[in-house]
Amino acid sequence: MEINAFLKNFADILDDTDAALITQETVFRDLDEWNSLTALSLIAMADEEYDVKLTGDDIKSSNSLQDIFEIIKNKA
């Protein structure tokens, strides 16, 4: 699993955010598009792409996309 593929998958669930702005340091909660629906899309993406059950607590305990990536990688 590579961070760049994860970042692309994350950018794909966003409609209005330029993919070039999505980096591993991105604080996803600071994105204008971040809301509960986006969180559900992230959970679905983790399940579909990585066969990982990401939880709300996993998201709450994370700040950056790197944090989310590490959780997914450790659960895979």
Protein backbone atom coordinates (compact mmCIF):
# COMPACT_ATOMS: atom_id res chain seq x y z
CA MET A 1 0.00 0.00 0.00
CA GLU A 2 1.38 3.36 -1.02
CA ILE A 3 0.52 6.79 0.34
CA ASN A 4 0.18 8.29 -3.16
CA ALA A 5 -2.51 5.78 -4.14
CA PHE A 6 -4.34 6.48 -0.88
CA LEU A 7 -4.17 10.25 -1.48
CA LYS A 8 -5.59 9.78 -4.98
CA ASN A 9 -8.41 7.63 -3.61
CA PHE A 10 -9.16 10.28 -0.98
CA ALA A 11 -9.13 13.06 -3.59
CA ASP A 12 -11.58 11.02 -5.68
CA ILE A 13 -14.22 11.20 -2.94
CA LEU A 14 -14.06 15.00 -2.95
CA ASP A 15 -16.05 16.97 -5.50
CA ASP A 16 -14.77 20.53 -5.22
CA THR A 17 -11.25 20.27 -3.78
CA ASP A 18 -8.30 20.35 -6.17
CA ALA A 19 -6.47 17.02 -5.93
CA ALA A 20 -3.16 18.92 -6.00
CA LEU A 21 -4.03 20.31 -2.55
CA ILE A 22 -4.32 16.83 -1.04
CA THR A 23 -1.07 15.77 0.64
CA GLN A 24 -0.20 13.48 3.51
CA GLU A 25 0.03 16.55 5.77
CA THR A 26 -3.48 17.71 4.85
CA VAL A 27 -5.66 18.22 7.93
CA PHE A 28 -8.79 16.74 6.42
CA ARG A 29 -11.14 18.44 8.89
CA ASP A 30 -9.94 21.82 7.58
CA LEU A 31 -11.19 21.05 4.07
CA ASP A 32 -14.33 23.00 3.13
CA GLU A 33 -15.89 19.78 1.86
CA TRP A 34 -15.31 17.80 5.07
CA ASN A 35 -18.59 16.72 6.65
CA SER A 36 -20.27 13.56 7.91
CA LEU A 37 -21.03 12.39 4.37
CA THR A 38 -17.37 12.73 3.41
CA ALA A 39 -16.42 10.76 6.53
CA LEU A 40 -18.80 7.98 5.46
CA SER A 41 -17.27 8.06 1.99
CA LEU A 42 -13.82 7.69 3.55
CA ILE A 43 -15.02 4.68 5.56
CA ALA A 44 -16.51 3.14 2.40
CA MET A 45 -13.32 3.81 0.42
CA ALA A 46 -11.18 2.11 3.09
CA ASP A 47 -13.49 -0.91 2.96
CA GLU A 48 -13.64 -1.12 -0.84
CA GLU A 49 -10.03 -0.34 -1.69
CA TYR A 50 -8.18 -1.86 1.27
CA ASP A 51 -10.71 -4.25 2.87
CA VAL A 52 -10.27 -2.35 6.16
CA LYS A 53 -13.04 -1.44 8.60
CA LEU A 54 -12.28 2.18 9.46
CA THR A 55 -14.32 3.44 12.41
CA GLY A 56 -15.57 6.83 13.51
CA ASP A 57 -13.16 6.64 16.43
CA ASP A 58 -10.29 6.07 13.99
CA ILE A 59 -11.25 9.26 12.19
CA LYS A 60 -11.79 11.22 15.41
CA SER A 61 -8.34 10.25 16.68
CA SER A 62 -6.67 11.41 13.44
CA ASN A 63 -5.60 14.85 12.33
CA SER A 64 -3.92 14.38 8.99
CA LEU A 65 -4.34 12.08 6.04
CA GLN A 66 -1.04 10.49 7.05
CA ASP A 67 -2.71 9.47 10.34
CA ILE A 68 -5.62 7.86 8.47
CA PHE A 69 -3.21 6.13 6.08
CA GLU A 70 -1.22 4.66 9.00
CA ILE A 71 -4.41 3.33 10.63
CA ILE A 72 -5.51 1.69 7.38
CA LYS A 73 -2.03 0.28 6.77
CA ASN A 74 -1.87 -1.17 10.30
CA LYS A 75 -5.31 -2.77 9.96
CA ALA A 76 -4.66 -4.23 6.50
